[in-house]
Amino acid sequence: MFSLSDLRETKVYQEALEEGIERGIEQGIERGIEQGIERGIERGIERGIERGIERGIERGRQEGELSAKLNSIPRLSVLGLTREQIAQALDLEIEQVEEVIEGQN
């Protein structure tokens, strides 16, 4: 009779075992690559969303700050401040102040 240990010593068994190991390694590598890509994409999306939100918040803050300054120009002008004084007080360019003042007339 042919025993299990005899079977393991045959060339056919050895070749099949080697082929099985190679296929297992290949499949493991493929799955690892696929999972790595999926995780990388997920992390990239998460980071992109976070950065987008941060940039949006910062841009909104800057736009709100500028809007508040521009809305203050007419009031400061009515109080008698010169265009130069308004620009200096609000940290704006003189051209920005002039545009707002001239836009009212």
C-alpha atoms as a PDB file:
ATOM      1  CA  MET A   1       0.000   0.000   0.000  1.00  0.00           C
ATOM      2  CA  PHE A   2       0.943   3.549  -0.650  1.00  0.00           C
ATOM      3  CA  SER A   3       1.077   5.583   2.544  1.00  0.00           C
ATOM      4  CA  LEU A   4       0.639   9.319   2.981  1.00  0.00           C
ATOM      5  CA  SER A   5       4.336   9.755   3.668  1.00  0.00           C
ATOM      6  CA  ASP A   6       5.109   7.852   0.453  1.00  0.00           C
ATOM      7  CA  LEU A   7       2.758  10.162  -1.452  1.00  0.00           C
ATOM      8  CA  ARG A   8       4.494  13.246  -0.046  1.00  0.00           C
ATOM      9  CA  GLU A   9       7.765  12.019  -1.445  1.00  0.00           C
ATOM     10  CA  THR A  10       6.528  11.702  -5.009  1.00  0.00           C
ATOM     11  CA  LYS A  11       7.502  14.201  -7.674  1.00  0.00           C
ATOM     12  CA  VAL A  12       3.850  14.872  -8.529  1.00  0.00           C
ATOM     13  CA  TYR A  13       3.068  15.748  -4.911  1.00  0.00           C
ATOM     14  CA  GLN A  14       6.176  17.958  -4.614  1.00  0.00           C
ATOM     15  CA  GLU A  15       5.334  19.827  -7.836  1.00  0.00           C
ATOM     16  CA  ALA A  16       1.698  20.284  -6.820  1.00  0.00           C
ATOM     17  CA  LEU A  17       2.757  21.523  -3.400  1.00  0.00           C
ATOM     18  CA  GLU A  18       5.220  23.975  -4.918  1.00  0.00           C
ATOM     19  CA  GLU A  19       2.612  25.207  -7.399  1.00  0.00           C
ATOM     20  CA  GLY A  20       0.086  25.608  -4.591  1.00  0.00           C
ATOM     21  CA  ILE A  21       2.544  27.618  -2.531  1.00  0.00           C
ATOM     22  CA  GLU A  22       3.381  29.843  -5.517  1.00  0.00           C
ATOM     23  CA  ARG A  23      -0.314  30.437  -6.251  1.00  0.00           C
ATOM     24  CA  GLY A  24      -0.946  31.213  -2.602  1.00  0.00           C
ATOM     25  CA  ILE A  25       1.890  33.721  -2.553  1.00  0.00           C
ATOM     26  CA  GLU A  26       0.675  35.352  -5.779  1.00  0.00           C
ATOM     27  CA  GLN A  27      -2.882  35.592  -4.494  1.00  0.00           C
ATOM     28  CA  GLY A  28      -1.655  36.984  -1.196  1.00  0.00           C
ATOM     29  CA  ILE A  29       0.383  39.630  -2.960  1.00  0.00           C
ATOM     30  CA  GLU A  30      -2.542  40.561  -5.223  1.00  0.00           C
ATOM     31  CA  ARG A  31      -4.932  40.833  -2.298  1.00  0.00           C
ATOM     32  CA  GLY A  32      -2.400  42.837  -0.327  1.00  0.00           C
ATOM     33  CA  ILE A  33      -1.943  45.258  -3.197  1.00  0.00           C
ATOM     34  CA  GLU A  34      -5.706  45.622  -3.677  1.00  0.00           C
ATOM     35  CA  GLN A  35      -6.259  46.262   0.005  1.00  0.00           C
ATOM     36  CA  GLY A  36      -3.365  48.714   0.093  1.00  0.00           C
ATOM     37  CA  ILE A  37      -4.787  50.639  -2.838  1.00  0.00           C
ATOM     38  CA  GLU A  38      -8.263  50.707  -1.285  1.00  0.00           C
ATOM     39  CA  ARG A  39      -6.915  51.945   2.022  1.00  0.00           C
ATOM     40  CA  GLY A  40      -4.742  54.518   0.285  1.00  0.00           C
ATOM     41  CA  ILE A  41      -7.700  55.846  -1.671  1.00  0.00           C
ATOM     42  CA  GLU A  42      -9.861  56.010   1.460  1.00  0.00           C
ATOM     43  CA  ARG A  43      -7.176  57.862   3.387  1.00  0.00           C
ATOM     44  CA  GLY A  44      -6.562  60.198   0.458  1.00  0.00           C
ATOM     45  CA  ILE A  45     -10.247  61.040   0.238  1.00  0.00           C
ATOM     46  CA  GLU A  46     -10.467  61.641   3.981  1.00  0.00           C
ATOM     47  CA  ARG A  47      -7.420  63.908   3.943  1.00  0.00           C
ATOM     48  CA  GLY A  48      -8.717  65.752   0.898  1.00  0.00           C
ATOM     49  CA  ILE A  49     -12.053  66.397   2.563  1.00  0.00           C
ATOM     50  CA  GLU A  50     -10.375  67.591   5.753  1.00  0.00           C
ATOM     51  CA  ARG A  51      -8.080  69.957   3.845  1.00  0.00           C
ATOM     52  CA  GLY A  52     -10.974  71.215   1.754  1.00  0.00           C
ATOM     53  CA  ILE A  53     -13.009  71.981   4.853  1.00  0.00           C
ATOM     54  CA  GLU A  54     -10.076  73.738   6.506  1.00  0.00           C
ATOM     55  CA  ARG A  55      -9.394  75.844   3.408  1.00  0.00           C
ATOM     56  CA  GLY A  56     -13.093  76.651   3.041  1.00  0.00           C
ATOM     57  CA  ILE A  57     -13.334  77.790   6.644  1.00  0.00           C
ATOM     58  CA  GLU A  58     -10.226  79.941   6.303  1.00  0.00           C
ATOM     59  CA  ARG A  59     -11.426  81.466   3.039  1.00  0.00           C
ATOM     60  CA  GLY A  60     -14.842  82.183   4.553  1.00  0.00           C
ATOM     61  CA  ARG A  61     -13.210  83.820   7.550  1.00  0.00           C
ATOM     62  CA  GLN A  62     -11.045  86.007   5.327  1.00  0.00           C
ATOM     63  CA  GLU A  63     -13.979  86.992   3.128  1.00  0.00           C
ATOM     64  CA  GLY A  64     -16.077  87.820   6.191  1.00  0.00           C
ATOM     65  CA  GLU A  65     -13.289  89.917   7.644  1.00  0.00           C
ATOM     66  CA  LEU A  66     -12.881  91.836   4.375  1.00  0.00           C
ATOM     67  CA  SER A  67     -16.632  92.318   4.080  1.00  0.00           C
ATOM     68  CA  ALA A  68     -16.797  93.771   7.597  1.00  0.00           C
ATOM     69  CA  LYS A  69     -13.973  96.184   6.796  1.00  0.00           C
ATOM     70  CA  LEU A  70     -15.569  97.286   3.537  1.00  0.00           C
ATOM     71  CA  ASN A  71     -18.921  97.807   5.271  1.00  0.00           C
ATOM     72  CA  SER A  72     -17.200 100.027   7.857  1.00  0.00           C
ATOM     73  CA  ILE A  73     -15.818 102.435   5.275  1.00  0.00           C
ATOM     74  CA  PRO A  74     -18.996 104.538   4.772  1.00  0.00           C
ATOM     75  CA  ARG A  75     -19.460 104.962   8.533  1.00  0.00           C
ATOM     76  CA  LEU A  76     -15.869 106.048   9.032  1.00  0.00           C
ATOM     77  CA  SER A  77     -16.143 108.422   6.108  1.00  0.00           C
ATOM     78  CA  VAL A  78     -19.276 110.023   7.618  1.00  0.00           C
ATOM     79  CA  LEU A  79     -17.320 110.518  10.841  1.00  0.00           C
ATOM     80  CA  GLY A  80     -14.873 112.669   8.881  1.00  0.00           C
ATOM     81  CA  LEU A  81     -11.904 110.345   8.486  1.00  0.00           C
ATOM     82  CA  THR A  82      -9.901 110.806   5.313  1.00  0.00           C
ATOM     83  CA  ARG A  83      -9.532 107.999   2.804  1.00  0.00           C
ATOM     84  CA  GLU A  84      -5.947 107.538   3.906  1.00  0.00           C
ATOM     85  CA  GLN A  85      -6.921 107.326   7.575  1.00  0.00           C
ATOM     86  CA  ILE A  86      -9.633 104.770   6.793  1.00  0.00           C
ATOM     87  CA  ALA A  87      -7.220 102.670   4.732  1.00  0.00           C
ATOM     88  CA  GLN A  88      -4.639 102.770   7.499  1.00  0.00           C
ATOM     89  CA  ALA A  89      -7.140 102.015  10.266  1.00  0.00           C
ATOM     90  CA  LEU A  90      -8.663  99.054   8.417  1.00  0.00           C
ATOM     91  CA  ASP A  91      -5.385  97.809   6.909  1.00  0.00           C
ATOM     92  CA  LEU A  92      -6.729  98.180   3.382  1.00  0.00           C
ATOM     93  CA  GLU A  93      -5.333  99.580   0.165  1.00  0.00           C
ATOM     94  CA  ILE A  94      -6.358 103.153  -0.556  1.00  0.00           C
ATOM     95  CA  GLU A  95      -7.874 101.950  -3.847  1.00  0.00           C
ATOM     96  CA  GLN A  96     -10.258  99.649  -1.954  1.00  0.00           C
ATOM     97  CA  VAL A  97     -11.434 102.549   0.203  1.00  0.00           C
ATOM     98  CA  GLU A  98     -11.867 104.810  -2.820  1.00  0.00           C
ATOM     99  CA  GLU A  99     -13.909 102.168  -4.676  1.00  0.00           C
ATOM    100  CA  VAL A 100     -16.366 101.887  -1.793  1.00  0.00           C
ATOM    101  CA  ILE A 101     -16.676 105.625  -1.285  1.00  0.00           C
ATOM    102  CA  GLU A 102     -17.043 106.349  -5.004  1.00  0.00           C
ATOM    103  CA  GLY A 103     -19.564 103.527  -5.306  1.00  0.00           C
ATOM    104  CA  GLN A 104     -21.853 105.347  -2.887  1.00  0.00           C
ATOM    105  CA  ASN A 105     -21.935 108.572  -4.899  1.00  0.00           C
END
